[in-house]
Amino acid sequence: MWMVDPFIMCRQHLPGEHNEVHMFGGSIKRRIHTDGYLKANCFEANSIGARHEELVEEMVGRGYEHNSILVVDMGALNDIPRHVRDFKIDSEGSLSLLLQRCTRCRKRYKEKHRCTLF
């Protein structure tokens, strides 16, 4: 999960994060440990439902089809240790990394913000 404005995400990263959200939803349901994703700054358990909705809104706005409903198992989510459940992604660091890695996301960012930071 990048946890950046979905508008700036390219046509590869937007559906990619959407798929990751579904993967994390399955991991929560199966109670698979996600601590490694915290160390990599890419999992925010408490935001998974809202993030899915943000991504879907952007995808639909771009004309992408969306047919996958995300059901978050709240019992399993509540069983996650608090330090994992309450972890917040460093979204500024995530944005910086994404813009360094992807020229298409960087282009969309520049278009939105009309800047030359990157």
Foldseek 3Di string as FASTA:
>chain_A
DLPDQLQLDDPVVLVVVLVVLQVVQVCLVVVPDDVVCVVVLHDAQQCSQVVNVSSVVVCVVVVHDDDDDRDHPVVSLVVPPPCRNHRHRPNVVSVVVVLVVDVSSVVSVCVVVVDDPD
